[in-house]
């Protein structure tokens, strides 16, 4: 089996369910993403979505020019060989964005699982057949809005809720966290993700407040590259500190973060971590050190399905993350994410296990490169 053709679609979609402020910077215009299809001489093909930052045409052209010639002619089952040869090529004359390799590596895994007649999570080596799911908020206008949304997520059966707060005022952010805890009660699982908002002193103060409110984890309060401050924060607080999702070159870039406990739990996803290979290498490395690898949302539902397959193939991951409200990101698939009673169940059909909605993709395509 050899790869004979690669199509890269540059796609855009208006965030119909959200105001621009939901993305903190306030200047968000479109979801920009790629749809990458690898075709083989055996008749099998696999399609994945990919992150594209602020420009799908720009990202698509860069990725097509660099990774199409790299993958044409390869056997998709030689994933480890491709991984290491790309690592060398990228160091010498590539330096591609963090999200470049993910959709291609994922497509290799999907093609291989299809050829084996197995759903991806079984092909990886399944640990479980369902994963608890949590809703991950966008930026909301007022503290009370988080309480209302958390109640909705709880009523829908999700197993937990995570706040992304505005970061304009620490007291306002804490008020949102207090109101959510009061709303959902003492036993519902809550997490906090300020997305690199605070300095070390503020993060310690904020984290101690979260401990009193019994939050489950405190995620990326400082920039992932602020290794010294993160290590000090992890040492000081009892609440688990979670990070590393935007460090490029997993698992190598986070090996020291795991070994020296820069954070208590690491992050990985099939978009920003180099595809399925990067996620599973990161998870296995973390497991060897007794550390959880909490899989980070890949935003777009066709990639969330791949994340789900990975979650089901690892023990050291407590939850499956979905951006909330879920309907705001429900495009690209012919069916909804397979979540029922708060449990996400990976599809049982070979490969990805669900169908891409090509009519939807066609409507969103602005360029094919």
Foldseek 3Di string as FASTA:
>chain_A
DFWADKWKFWFWDALVVDQLCLQLVRPDGTQTKIWMKTADPVGDIDIDIAHDPRGSVVLRVLLCVPVGVLRGGDQLVPLVVSVVVVVVVCVPPNVHALQRQLRVNLRSLLRVLVVVFWESLVVLPFPAFKAFAEAEEGEDDFLVVLLVQLVVRVVQQHQEYEYAYNLPDLVRVLSSVVSNCVNPDLPRAYEYEPAARDDLVSLLVSLVSCVVSVHQAYECVHPQVPQVSLQVSCVRHPRFYEEDAQPGDPPVRCLCCLVSVSTQAYEYFSRRQNHLVRLVRNQVSNVVSVGAYAYDDSLAVLRLLVVRSSVRNHDRYRYRYAYPPNVSRPAQFPDGQQADSRMGGRATGTRSNTDTPVVRVVVGGPDMD
